[in-house]
Amino acid sequence: MNRQQQDKSTQRHLFNLIRHTQILPTEKIPSSERCKRRASVAIIIRVRPNSVVGPINETASIQDPLDFLKLDWVKSGEPEILYVRRAVNPRDKWSGHMAFPGGKAEAEETDQEAAERETLEEIGLDLRGPGFACLGALDDREIKPPASGKPIMILCPFVYLQLTPSTPPLTLTPEEIASIHWIPLSFFFAAARDNRRWRLISFPIARHLLPARVLAGGISGSSAPRWRTWIHVGLEKSLTYLLGSYSYRGVLLPTTAGEIVTPLQTPVTPHVPHAHVLGKEEEAKAHAGQSTSSRLLLWGLTLWMTSDLIDLCHDPSEVPVVALSELGAPRYSQKDIDWFFGLLARQLGAGGNGGVQSGAGSGGTVGRVKRKPAVSVTERPKLEYYQAIRISVATAMTLRAVVTWVVVRHLRKVREWCLAVL
């Protein structure tokens, strides 16, 4: 693709994103008695000017985001998305993860106000100023723990566009943010076709079926009786042996010259999720604290939101058949569970309005669903990811019990026949 074609492609993607975020309805999930907590994140997009572009008027006032696309430096620039890598904190369940800036909403605060306040607090970027425009919001998402399946928080993503060629100086909060990274938008269009950018992440199924208090509550503390620790370890290992683990994929983001690392996090020790599959050389570099792209692993909720954003960059007739998040579809180490889960996903996904939707931690959608902007409202699946796991596990365990009973019964008959003959 030559430079002129690339510029036109960039213009078309940005135009589609602006138009779709403005005209497509957003699914807003209201707070309820069962889920009152809300959180918001800001997806910030900027256009990095090409180095060969002439003088740029930094003071030009832009009122309409569509007028922004007519600027010469925008036509030839490179759109980028801002990601943060959260600081390592044992008390934070998202410790060390790649994410968008944001956090929990305070009382009497709107979702958008929460996204703007948290962004200002975490990275020092004021999204309420004239240099930024809020394009709109992506669909809200309920965050549910795997065991209970009950929502504990509603996540609200907002999309912002930087209207100036220069990003204001950023001030990172070291206790919360380890580094920031501007990732080219074009990377995600190519990532779907590049298997080298993806890595496997594995978790025991037992951790996603049993409540956290059963596996870890009150056991990890120093005052916990030793016998409770033994029960905890034995229960988890037994269930892991019976049920196995599941694996899904995360995409490795490129390191860029525009990244900013907080002083307290230098050198950065990469956060490698449980059983993250790395090459031996890459793993050695990671544990040595050297700079390696393995520390920029995008997965889970942030991958899901990125996937929705990339879909909105396409024309309705050109939406990818497979979403970026679907590339992270889980596979299971136990073949029977994997087969039942795949069968369930195919049956519910047939017809385009079903499917198995992944939870917050899996980062993918199993079973095809109709997505924006091909439709004005994304059709939600009938069955969620963790429900599908429980059904698959129950079915597989039942079948195992039946097969074991049949084998044992026939073995007894064979043994009796052998004794009779001998």
Protein backbone atom coordinates (compact mmCIF):
# COMPACT_ATOMS: atom_id res chain seq x y z
CA MET A 1 0.00 0.00 0.00
CA ASN A 2 1.54 3.34 -1.06
CA ARG A 3 1.45 6.50 1.04
CA GLN A 4 -1.54 8.01 -0.77
CA GLN A 5 -3.61 4.86 -0.35
CA GLN A 6 -2.62 4.66 3.32
CA ASP A 7 -3.72 8.25 3.90
CA LYS A 8 -7.10 7.55 2.31
CA SER A 9 -7.50 4.43 4.43
CA THR A 10 -6.68 6.42 7.57
CA GLN A 11 -9.21 9.09 6.63
CA ARG A 12 -11.91 6.52 6.00
CA HIS A 13 -11.31 4.73 9.31
CA LEU A 14 -11.41 7.95 11.32
CA PHE A 15 -14.49 9.18 9.45
CA ASN A 16 -16.31 5.90 10.12
CA LEU A 17 -15.36 5.99 13.79
CA ILE A 18 -16.58 9.57 14.25
CA ARG A 19 -19.80 8.98 12.34
CA HIS A 20 -20.67 5.67 14.01
CA THR A 21 -20.01 6.89 17.56
CA GLN A 22 -22.28 9.88 16.86
CA ILE A 23 -25.21 8.19 15.12
CA LEU A 24 -25.39 4.63 16.49
CA PRO A 25 -27.39 4.17 19.70
CA THR A 26 -25.43 3.16 22.79
CA GLU A 27 -26.59 0.42 25.12
CA LYS A 28 -26.67 1.98 28.59
CA ILE A 29 -27.10 -0.32 31.58
CA PRO A 30 -28.79 1.49 34.48
CA SER A 31 -27.73 0.91 38.06
CA SER A 32 -29.96 -1.39 40.07
CA GLU A 33 -30.24 -2.87 43.54
CA ARG A 34 -28.20 -5.88 42.48
CA CYS A 35 -25.45 -3.73 40.92
CA LYS A 36 -24.94 -0.14 42.07
CA ARG A 37 -21.22 0.30 41.41
CA ARG A 38 -20.15 1.96 38.17
CA ALA A 39 -16.79 2.66 36.53
CA SER A 40 -15.76 4.55 33.40
CA VAL A 41 -12.73 4.54 31.11
CA ALA A 42 -11.52 6.93 28.43
CA ILE A 43 -10.40 5.62 25.03
CA ILE A 44 -8.22 8.47 23.76
CA ILE A 45 -7.25 8.74 20.09
CA ARG A 46 -4.75 11.19 18.64
CA VAL A 47 -3.24 11.69 15.18
CA ARG A 48 0.54 11.86 15.17
CA PRO A 49 1.66 14.23 12.38
CA ASN A 50 3.97 12.94 9.68
CA SER A 51 7.49 14.32 10.03
CA VAL A 52 7.49 15.62 6.45
CA VAL A 53 4.43 17.82 6.98
CA GLY A 54 5.10 21.57 6.88
CA PRO A 55 4.30 24.13 9.61
CA ILE A 56 1.21 23.32 11.68
CA ASN A 57 -1.15 25.88 13.17
CA GLU A 58 -1.32 24.73 16.80
CA THR A 59 -3.93 27.37 17.70
CA ALA A 60 -6.50 26.43 15.04
CA SER A 61 -9.94 26.07 16.64
CA ILE A 62 -11.88 22.93 15.70
CA GLN A 63 -15.59 22.80 16.52
CA ASP A 64 -16.71 19.78 14.48
CA PRO A 65 -14.64 16.56 14.60
CA LEU A 66 -15.43 16.02 10.91
CA ASP A 67 -13.72 19.36 10.12
CA PHE A 68 -10.69 17.95 11.95
CA LEU A 69 -10.29 15.36 9.18
CA LYS A 70 -9.84 18.11 6.58
CA LEU A 71 -6.57 19.35 8.10
CA ASP A 72 -3.47 18.50 6.05
CA TRP A 73 -1.48 17.12 8.97
CA VAL A 74 -4.40 14.87 9.88
CA LYS A 75 -4.73 13.49 6.35
CA SER A 76 -1.13 12.27 6.37
CA GLY A 77 -0.85 11.48 10.10
CA GLU A 78 -0.90 8.22 12.03
CA PRO A 79 -3.88 7.64 14.39
CA GLU A 80 -2.90 6.18 17.76
CA ILE A 81 -4.73 4.87 20.83
CA LEU A 82 -3.55 5.57 24.37
CA TYR A 83 -3.07 2.61 26.70
CA VAL A 84 -1.79 2.56 30.25
CA ARG A 85 -0.03 -0.25 32.03
CA ARG A 86 -1.26 -0.36 35.59
CA ALA A 87 1.24 -0.37 38.42
CA VAL A 88 1.98 -3.65 40.15
CA ASN A 89 -0.16 -3.81 43.27
CA PRO A 90 -1.00 -7.09 45.09
CA ARG A 91 -4.34 -5.63 46.21
CA ASP A 92 -5.41 -4.72 42.66
CA LYS A 93 -7.01 -7.49 40.62
CA TRP A 94 -5.90 -5.65 37.45
CA SER A 95 -2.33 -5.22 38.67
CA GLY A 96 0.15 -4.83 35.81
CA HIS A 97 -2.54 -5.12 33.13
CA MET A 98 -2.79 -3.05 29.96
CA ALA A 99 -5.88 -0.85 30.24
CA PHE A 100 -7.48 2.46 29.41
CA PRO A 101 -7.29 5.29 31.97
CA GLY A 102 -10.33 5.37 34.22
CA GLY A 103 -11.80 4.12 37.45
CA LYS A 104 -14.81 3.99 39.76
CA ALA A 105 -17.47 6.68 39.66
CA GLU A 106 -18.17 8.73 42.75
CA ALA A 107 -21.58 9.56 44.18
CA GLU A 108 -23.64 12.07 42.17
CA GLU A 109 -21.16 11.82 39.29
CA THR A 110 -22.11 10.99 35.69
CA ASP A 111 -20.31 8.22 33.82
CA GLN A 112 -18.57 10.70 31.52
CA GLU A 113 -17.50 12.90 34.43
CA ALA A 114 -15.97 9.85 36.11
CA ALA A 115 -13.93 9.00 32.98
CA GLU A 116 -12.64 12.58 32.71
CA ARG A 117 -11.82 12.92 36.43
CA GLU A 118 -10.01 9.59 36.61
CA THR A 119 -7.99 10.37 33.47
CA LEU A 120 -6.90 13.69 34.94
CA GLU A 121 -5.94 12.05 38.22
CA GLU A 122 -4.08 9.11 36.69
CA ILE A 123 -2.17 10.66 33.77
CA GLY A 124 -2.75 14.43 34.12
CA LEU A 125 -4.71 14.77 30.86
CA ASP A 126 -7.66 17.18 30.97
CA LEU A 127 -10.24 15.84 28.52
CA ARG A 128 -12.62 18.71 29.31
CA GLY A 129 -10.37 21.26 27.61
CA PRO A 130 -10.76 22.60 24.04
CA GLY A 131 -8.08 20.26 22.74
CA PHE A 132 -10.31 17.19 23.07
CA ALA A 133 -13.75 16.16 21.85
CA CYS A 134 -15.90 13.36 23.21
CA LEU A 135 -17.08 11.42 20.16
CA GLY A 136 -19.51 9.26 22.10
CA ALA A 137 -19.57 6.03 24.08
CA LEU A 138 -19.30 2.32 23.47
CA ASP A 139 -21.87 -0.07 24.90
CA ASP A 140 -21.83 -0.52 28.68
CA ARG A 141 -20.60 -3.81 30.03
CA GLU A 142 -21.46 -5.71 33.20
CA ILE A 143 -18.46 -7.11 35.06
CA LYS A 144 -19.29 -10.45 36.63
CA PRO A 145 -17.13 -12.75 38.78
CA PRO A 146 -16.85 -16.20 37.21
CA ALA A 147 -18.24 -18.24 40.08
CA SER A 148 -21.45 -16.37 40.90
CA GLY A 149 -22.17 -14.79 37.52
CA LYS A 150 -23.79 -11.85 39.33
CA PRO A 151 -22.78 -8.35 38.16
CA ILE A 152 -20.55 -6.44 40.57
CA MET A 153 -19.89 -3.36 38.42
CA ILE A 154 -21.03 -1.63 35.25
CA LEU A 155 -18.21 -0.44 32.97
CA CYS A 156 -18.82 2.57 30.70
CA PRO A 157 -16.27 3.31 27.93
CA PHE A 158 -16.08 6.78 26.31
CA VAL A 159 -14.20 7.68 23.13
CA TYR A 160 -12.22 10.94 22.93
CA LEU A 161 -10.40 12.55 20.01
CA GLN A 162 -7.40 14.84 20.47
CA LEU A 163 -7.89 17.84 18.17
CA THR A 164 -4.35 19.21 18.41
CA PRO A 165 -1.12 17.85 16.90
CA SER A 166 0.75 18.03 20.23
CA THR A 167 -0.31 16.10 23.31
CA PRO A 168 -0.13 18.13 26.54
CA PRO A 169 2.57 17.04 29.02
CA LEU A 170 1.42 14.02 31.00
CA THR A 171 1.87 13.52 34.73
CA LEU A 172 1.53 9.88 35.72
CA THR A 173 0.51 8.73 39.19
CA PRO A 174 3.20 6.13 39.98
CA GLU A 175 1.04 4.33 42.54
CA GLU A 176 -1.55 3.60 39.85
CA ILE A 177 0.13 3.84 36.44
CA ALA A 178 3.44 2.23 35.49
CA SER A 179 3.63 3.52 31.92
CA ILE A 180 1.61 4.82 28.98
CA HIS A 181 1.82 3.68 25.37
CA TRP A 182 0.48 5.17 22.14
CA ILE A 183 -0.33 2.22 19.86
CA PRO A 184 -0.97 2.86 16.12
CA LEU A 185 -4.53 2.14 15.08
CA SER A 186 -3.17 0.36 12.00
CA PHE A 187 -1.57 -2.26 14.25
CA PHE A 188 -4.96 -3.70 15.16
CA PHE A 189 -6.05 -4.05 11.54
CA ALA A 190 -2.95 -6.18 10.91
CA ALA A 191 -2.97 -8.07 14.24
CA ALA A 192 -5.90 -10.27 13.18
CA ARG A 193 -3.74 -11.67 10.38
CA ASP A 194 -0.49 -11.99 12.34
CA ASN A 195 -0.38 -15.02 14.62
CA ARG A 196 3.08 -14.03 15.82
CA ARG A 197 1.56 -11.23 17.89
CA TRP A 198 -0.65 -13.53 19.97
CA ARG A 199 0.17 -15.45 23.16
CA LEU A 200 -1.69 -18.06 25.17
CA ILE A 201 -2.87 -17.41 28.71
CA SER A 202 -4.06 -20.33 30.85
CA PHE A 203 -6.14 -20.54 34.02
CA PRO A 204 -7.51 -23.54 35.97
CA ILE A 205 -11.21 -23.98 35.34
CA ALA A 206 -11.67 -24.57 39.09
CA ARG A 207 -10.86 -20.92 39.81
CA HIS A 208 -13.73 -19.85 37.59
CA LEU A 209 -16.31 -22.27 38.97
CA LEU A 210 -15.85 -21.98 42.74
CA PRO A 211 -16.33 -18.78 44.74
CA ALA A 212 -13.13 -16.95 45.60
CA ARG A 213 -13.81 -17.35 49.33
CA VAL A 214 -13.73 -21.14 48.90
CA LEU A 215 -10.37 -21.11 47.16
CA ALA A 216 -8.61 -18.25 48.86
CA GLY A 217 -10.77 -16.51 51.44
CA GLY A 218 -9.19 -16.42 54.85
CA ILE A 219 -6.47 -18.90 53.88
CA SER A 220 -3.65 -16.77 52.57
CA GLY A 221 -3.23 -14.83 55.83
CA SER A 222 -0.52 -15.75 58.31
CA SER A 223 -3.11 -16.47 61.03
CA ALA A 224 -4.96 -19.07 58.96
CA PRO A 225 -4.78 -22.62 60.37
CA ARG A 226 -2.48 -24.92 58.44
CA TRP A 227 -5.22 -27.46 57.91
CA ARG A 228 -7.25 -24.87 56.00
CA THR A 229 -4.29 -24.25 53.73
CA TRP A 230 -4.00 -27.97 53.08
CA ILE A 231 -7.69 -28.16 52.21
CA HIS A 232 -7.35 -25.18 49.91
CA VAL A 233 -4.36 -26.61 48.03
CA GLY A 234 -5.84 -30.10 47.87
CA LEU A 235 -9.22 -28.87 46.60
CA GLU A 236 -7.71 -26.71 43.88
CA LYS A 237 -5.28 -29.40 42.69
CA SER A 238 -7.95 -32.10 42.68
CA LEU A 239 -10.37 -30.00 40.66
CA THR A 240 -7.60 -28.91 38.31
CA TYR A 241 -6.69 -32.56 37.72
CA LEU A 242 -10.32 -33.44 37.00
CA LEU A 243 -11.35 -30.36 35.02
CA GLY A 244 -8.05 -29.15 33.56
CA SER A 245 -7.49 -25.59 32.44
CA TYR A 246 -8.62 -23.30 29.68
CA SER A 247 -6.48 -21.09 27.46
CA TYR A 248 -7.23 -18.02 25.42
CA ARG A 249 -5.07 -15.58 23.53
CA GLY A 250 -3.90 -12.05 24.17
CA VAL A 251 -2.19 -9.79 21.65
CA LEU A 252 1.30 -8.40 22.22
CA LEU A 253 1.36 -4.65 21.65
CA PRO A 254 4.43 -3.09 20.04
CA THR A 255 6.76 -0.94 22.08
CA THR A 256 6.95 2.57 20.69
CA ALA A 257 9.17 5.63 21.02
CA GLY A 258 6.24 7.52 22.55
CA GLU A 259 5.95 5.42 25.71
CA ILE A 260 6.36 7.07 29.11
CA VAL A 261 7.49 5.12 32.17
CA THR A 262 7.10 6.41 35.72
CA PRO A 263 10.33 6.70 37.76
CA LEU A 264 9.08 4.28 40.41
CA GLN A 265 8.58 1.63 37.76
CA THR A 266 12.01 1.78 36.08
CA PRO A 267 13.15 -0.77 35.10
CA VAL A 268 9.73 -2.31 34.60
CA THR A 269 9.34 -5.90 35.70
CA PRO A 270 6.79 -7.36 33.29
CA HIS A 271 3.58 -8.74 34.70
CA VAL A 272 3.19 -12.21 33.19
CA PRO A 273 -0.28 -13.72 33.76
CA HIS A 274 -0.61 -17.23 35.15
CA ALA A 275 0.87 -19.79 32.73
CA HIS A 276 1.51 -17.15 30.10
CA VAL A 277 3.16 -19.03 27.26
CA LEU A 278 6.43 -17.40 26.20
CA GLY A 279 9.46 -18.55 24.31
CA LYS A 280 12.41 -19.44 26.57
CA GLU A 281 14.50 -16.48 25.42
CA GLU A 282 11.61 -14.02 25.80
CA GLU A 283 10.70 -15.44 29.20
CA ALA A 284 14.29 -15.07 30.43
CA LYS A 285 14.32 -11.41 29.36
CA ALA A 286 10.98 -10.80 31.05
CA HIS A 287 12.08 -12.16 34.42
CA ALA A 288 15.36 -10.26 34.15
CA GLY A 289 13.40 -7.01 33.92
CA GLN A 290 14.65 -6.19 30.43
CA SER A 291 12.54 -4.27 27.94
CA THR A 292 10.45 -6.75 26.00
CA SER A 293 7.13 -6.51 24.23
CA SER A 294 5.82 -9.40 26.38
CA ARG A 295 4.99 -6.88 29.09
CA LEU A 296 2.46 -5.20 26.77
CA LEU A 297 -0.07 -8.00 26.65
CA LEU A 298 -3.59 -6.86 25.76
CA TRP A 299 -6.37 -9.17 26.89
CA GLY A 300 -9.67 -9.36 28.74
CA LEU A 301 -11.98 -6.36 28.96
CA THR A 302 -9.54 -3.96 27.32
CA LEU A 303 -9.21 -6.26 24.30
CA TRP A 304 -13.01 -6.47 24.12
CA MET A 305 -13.37 -2.67 24.11
CA THR A 306 -10.59 -2.33 21.54
CA SER A 307 -12.37 -4.87 19.36
CA ASP A 308 -15.60 -2.86 19.50
CA LEU A 309 -13.68 0.30 18.59
CA ILE A 310 -11.99 -1.34 15.60
CA ASP A 311 -15.36 -2.60 14.34
CA LEU A 312 -16.67 0.98 14.33
CA CYS A 313 -13.77 2.02 12.06
CA HIS A 314 -15.19 -0.06 9.21
CA ASP A 315 -18.02 0.53 6.77
CA PRO A 316 -21.12 -1.52 7.69
CA SER A 317 -20.58 -3.79 4.69
CA GLU A 318 -16.90 -4.34 5.52
CA VAL A 319 -17.07 -5.32 9.20
CA PRO A 320 -14.63 -8.23 9.72
CA VAL A 321 -16.30 -11.61 9.86
CA VAL A 322 -14.25 -12.44 12.95
CA ALA A 323 -13.92 -9.72 15.58
CA LEU A 324 -10.56 -9.05 17.17
CA SER A 325 -11.94 -10.32 20.49
CA GLU A 326 -13.08 -13.59 18.89
CA LEU A 327 -9.47 -14.49 18.17
CA GLY A 328 -9.14 -14.99 21.91
CA ALA A 329 -11.81 -17.71 22.00
CA PRO A 330 -10.98 -20.20 24.78
CA ARG A 331 -9.81 -23.77 24.34
CA TYR A 332 -9.79 -26.42 27.06
CA SER A 333 -7.10 -28.91 28.03
CA GLN A 334 -9.70 -31.60 28.71
CA LYS A 335 -10.89 -32.72 25.30
CA ASP A 336 -14.43 -33.68 26.34
CA ILE A 337 -15.07 -30.30 27.96
CA ASP A 338 -13.60 -28.55 24.96
CA TRP A 339 -15.82 -30.55 22.60
CA PHE A 340 -19.03 -29.86 24.56
CA PHE A 341 -18.19 -26.16 24.84
CA GLY A 342 -17.53 -25.92 21.10
CA LEU A 343 -20.77 -27.77 20.32
CA LEU A 344 -22.73 -25.45 22.61
CA ALA A 345 -21.17 -22.38 21.00
CA ARG A 346 -21.94 -23.59 17.47
CA GLN A 347 -25.56 -24.47 18.27
CA LEU A 348 -26.30 -21.13 19.93
CA GLY A 349 -24.28 -19.19 17.39
CA ALA A 350 -26.13 -20.56 14.38
CA GLY A 351 -28.54 -18.06 12.94
CA GLY A 352 -26.58 -14.98 13.97
CA ASN A 353 -28.59 -13.94 17.01
CA GLY A 354 -27.28 -16.34 19.59
CA GLY A 355 -23.80 -17.28 20.63
CA VAL A 356 -21.82 -17.62 23.79
CA GLN A 357 -20.50 -14.31 25.06
CA SER A 358 -17.26 -14.31 26.99
CA GLY A 359 -16.92 -12.89 30.46
CA ALA A 360 -14.61 -10.15 31.64
CA GLY A 361 -11.56 -12.32 31.97
CA SER A 362 -11.57 -14.27 28.74
CA GLY A 363 -11.30 -11.50 26.19
CA GLY A 364 -13.26 -13.15 23.40
CA THR A 365 -16.67 -14.02 22.04
CA VAL A 366 -17.52 -17.63 21.30
CA GLY A 367 -20.25 -18.04 18.71
CA ARG A 368 -20.92 -15.46 16.02
CA VAL A 369 -23.06 -12.45 16.88
CA LYS A 370 -24.14 -9.48 14.78
CA ARG A 371 -22.06 -6.47 15.68
CA LYS A 372 -22.04 -2.73 15.11
CA PRO A 373 -21.89 -1.03 12.66
CA ALA A 374 -23.36 -3.84 10.54
CA VAL A 375 -26.43 -3.49 12.80
CA SER A 376 -27.52 -0.45 14.78
CA VAL A 377 -27.67 -2.44 18.03
CA THR A 378 -25.38 -5.36 18.77
CA GLU A 379 -27.44 -8.50 19.35
CA ARG A 380 -26.46 -9.93 22.70
CA PRO A 381 -25.96 -13.70 23.06
CA LYS A 382 -28.43 -15.86 24.93
CA LEU A 383 -25.79 -17.61 27.01
CA GLU A 384 -22.79 -16.14 28.75
CA TYR A 385 -19.33 -17.59 28.84
CA TYR A 386 -19.22 -18.87 32.42
CA GLN A 387 -22.66 -20.40 32.10
CA ALA A 388 -21.40 -22.31 29.08
CA ILE A 389 -18.39 -23.53 31.09
CA ARG A 390 -20.61 -24.83 33.89
CA ILE A 391 -22.91 -26.62 31.45
CA SER A 392 -19.95 -28.12 29.59
CA VAL A 393 -18.26 -29.27 32.79
CA ALA A 394 -21.47 -30.79 34.17
CA THR A 395 -22.16 -32.61 30.91
CA ALA A 396 -18.60 -33.90 30.61
CA MET A 397 -18.50 -35.09 34.24
CA THR A 398 -21.85 -36.86 33.85
CA LEU A 399 -20.62 -38.62 30.72
CA ARG A 400 -17.41 -39.61 32.48
CA ALA A 401 -19.40 -41.11 35.34
CA VAL A 402 -21.59 -43.10 32.93
CA VAL A 403 -18.60 -44.39 30.98
CA THR A 404 -16.78 -45.32 34.20
CA TRP A 405 -19.84 -47.19 35.49
CA VAL A 406 -20.19 -49.13 32.22
CA VAL A 407 -16.48 -50.01 32.12
CA VAL A 408 -16.40 -51.12 35.77
CA ARG A 409 -19.53 -53.23 35.27
CA HIS A 410 -18.09 -54.99 32.26
CA LEU A 411 -14.72 -55.46 33.93
CA ARG A 412 -16.48 -57.27 36.77
CA LYS A 413 -18.14 -59.61 34.28
CA VAL A 414 -14.84 -60.25 32.51
CA ARG A 415 -13.16 -60.97 35.85
CA GLU A 416 -15.93 -63.40 36.81
CA TRP A 417 -15.65 -65.16 33.44
CA CYS A 418 -11.87 -65.48 33.79
CA LEU A 419 -12.20 -66.94 37.26
CA ALA A 420 -14.81 -69.41 36.03
CA VAL A 421 -12.60 -70.56 33.15
CA LEU A 422 -9.47 -70.85 35.27
